Amino acid sequence: AAAAARTGLLLAPAGEFGFVAVGLAKAFKVLDASTARLLTTAAALSMCLTPGLAALGDRLAEPLDRLEAAWLRRSRRARDDAAVGRAVKNAQGELVVVVGYGRVGRVVCELLDAKLQRYV
């Protein structure tokens, strides 16, 4: 998420080609002079904001990474809960075999205990 935010903020400003495109559009009478001036000014101002946008991306990186990690933990937990629910439903009173008693295995066993499902 942090890399995407940084990239988006750095790609948001206009580039030098904008000046060329606006100049050509004005030369071929696609844009009138006042519109061309407005677009050129907007492009120049957006380019001036690039260092500030880069700094903003750096400041947002850590909070966005924390937010993404929390979201992934919640979604992983919900997926694990659903998997245990399906296993319990399919077991219909049979014994559930839990392979491994690491971090995930302990959580699975706690969920099975909560569902009153026997396991080994």
Protein backbone atom coordinates (compact mmCIF):
# COMPACT_ATOMS: atom_id res chain seq x y z
CA ALA A 1 0.00 0.00 0.00
CA ALA A 2 2.82 2.39 0.84
CA ALA A 3 4.58 1.81 -2.47
CA ALA A 4 1.32 2.34 -4.36
CA ALA A 5 0.64 5.60 -2.51
CA ARG A 6 4.16 6.88 -3.13
CA THR A 7 3.96 5.96 -6.80
CA GLY A 8 0.57 7.59 -7.19
CA LEU A 9 1.73 10.79 -5.55
CA LEU A 10 4.85 10.96 -7.69
CA LEU A 11 2.98 10.27 -10.93
CA ALA A 12 0.21 12.78 -10.20
CA PRO A 13 2.03 15.95 -11.33
CA ALA A 14 2.24 16.85 -15.00
CA GLY A 15 5.45 16.18 -16.87
CA GLU A 16 7.48 18.20 -19.32
CA PHE A 17 5.63 16.63 -22.22
CA GLY A 18 2.53 18.51 -21.04
CA PHE A 19 4.16 21.75 -22.11
CA VAL A 20 4.85 20.30 -25.57
CA ALA A 21 1.31 18.92 -25.90
CA VAL A 22 -0.32 22.21 -24.84
CA GLY A 23 1.98 24.17 -27.17
CA LEU A 24 1.06 21.94 -30.10
CA ALA A 25 -2.64 22.11 -29.26
CA LYS A 26 -2.41 25.92 -29.21
CA ALA A 27 -0.43 26.01 -32.47
CA PHE A 28 -3.01 23.83 -34.24
CA LYS A 29 -5.85 25.92 -32.79
CA VAL A 30 -7.24 23.04 -30.72
CA LEU A 31 -6.93 25.24 -27.60
CA ASP A 32 -7.36 29.00 -27.40
CA ALA A 33 -4.61 31.10 -25.80
CA SER A 34 -6.31 31.52 -22.42
CA THR A 35 -6.96 27.78 -22.02
CA ALA A 36 -3.39 27.00 -23.06
CA ARG A 37 -2.09 29.50 -20.47
CA LEU A 38 -4.29 27.93 -17.78
CA LEU A 39 -3.10 24.39 -18.59
CA THR A 40 0.54 25.48 -18.73
CA THR A 41 0.22 27.19 -15.35
CA ALA A 42 -1.52 24.15 -13.85
CA ALA A 43 1.22 21.87 -15.19
CA ALA A 44 3.97 24.10 -13.82
CA LEU A 45 2.31 24.33 -10.40
CA SER A 46 1.77 20.58 -10.20
CA MET A 47 5.46 20.04 -11.02
CA CYS A 48 6.40 22.46 -8.23
CA LEU A 49 4.39 20.32 -5.81
CA THR A 50 6.36 17.15 -6.62
CA PRO A 51 8.89 17.43 -3.74
CA GLY A 52 6.07 18.04 -1.27
CA LEU A 53 4.12 15.08 -2.62
CA ALA A 54 7.22 12.89 -2.30
CA ALA A 55 7.61 13.94 1.34
CA LEU A 56 3.92 13.28 1.94
CA GLY A 57 4.33 9.78 0.48
CA ASP A 58 7.25 9.13 2.85
CA ARG A 59 5.20 10.30 5.85
CA LEU A 60 2.21 8.16 4.86
CA ALA A 61 4.27 5.01 4.21
CA GLU A 62 4.49 3.68 7.78
CA PRO A 63 0.83 4.33 8.74
CA LEU A 64 -0.32 2.75 5.48
CA ASP A 65 1.88 -0.30 6.06
CA ARG A 66 0.45 -0.70 9.59
CA LEU A 67 -3.10 -0.35 8.27
CA GLU A 68 -2.47 -2.90 5.53
CA ALA A 69 -0.93 -5.38 8.01
CA ALA A 70 -3.93 -5.04 10.34
CA TRP A 71 -6.34 -5.57 7.45
CA LEU A 72 -4.44 -8.66 6.31
CA ARG A 73 -4.49 -10.09 9.85
CA ARG A 74 -8.25 -9.55 10.09
CA SER A 75 -8.94 -11.07 6.67
CA ARG A 76 -6.63 -14.02 7.41
CA ARG A 77 -8.40 -14.60 10.74
CA ALA A 78 -11.82 -14.50 9.04
CA ARG A 79 -10.61 -16.94 6.38
CA ASP A 80 -9.27 -19.27 9.09
CA ASP A 81 -12.55 -19.05 11.04
CA ALA A 82 -14.50 -19.92 7.89
CA ALA A 83 -12.21 -22.88 7.15
CA VAL A 84 -12.64 -24.24 10.65
CA GLY A 85 -16.39 -23.76 10.38
CA ARG A 86 -16.47 -25.75 7.14
CA ALA A 87 -14.29 -28.48 8.65
CA VAL A 88 -16.55 -28.76 11.70
CA LYS A 89 -19.67 -28.83 9.52
CA ASN A 90 -18.20 -31.52 7.27
CA ALA A 91 -16.89 -33.57 10.20
CA GLN A 92 -20.38 -34.15 11.66
CA GLY A 93 -19.17 -35.44 14.99
CA GLU A 94 -16.05 -37.10 13.65
CA LEU A 95 -12.55 -36.43 14.88
CA VAL A 96 -10.62 -33.53 13.32
CA VAL A 97 -6.88 -34.04 12.81
CA VAL A 98 -4.79 -30.92 13.44
CA VAL A 99 -1.31 -31.21 11.97
CA GLY A 100 1.14 -28.91 13.72
CA TYR A 101 0.71 -26.92 16.89
CA GLY A 102 2.41 -23.69 15.94
CA ARG A 103 0.74 -20.30 15.91
CA VAL A 104 -1.95 -21.33 13.43
CA GLY A 105 -2.44 -24.80 14.91
CA ARG A 106 -3.13 -23.33 18.35
CA VAL A 107 -5.70 -20.94 16.87
CA VAL A 108 -7.38 -23.81 15.01
CA CYS A 109 -7.53 -25.86 18.23
CA GLU A 110 -9.03 -22.90 20.13
CA LEU A 111 -11.68 -22.51 17.44
CA LEU A 112 -12.44 -26.23 17.51
CA ASP A 113 -12.78 -26.06 21.30
CA ALA A 114 -15.20 -23.16 20.93
CA LYS A 115 -17.29 -25.23 18.49
CA LEU A 116 -17.15 -28.26 20.84
CA GLN A 117 -15.49 -30.28 18.12
CA ARG A 118 -13.18 -33.15 19.08
CA TYR A 119 -9.70 -33.07 17.58
CA VAL A 120 -6.30 -34.75 17.87
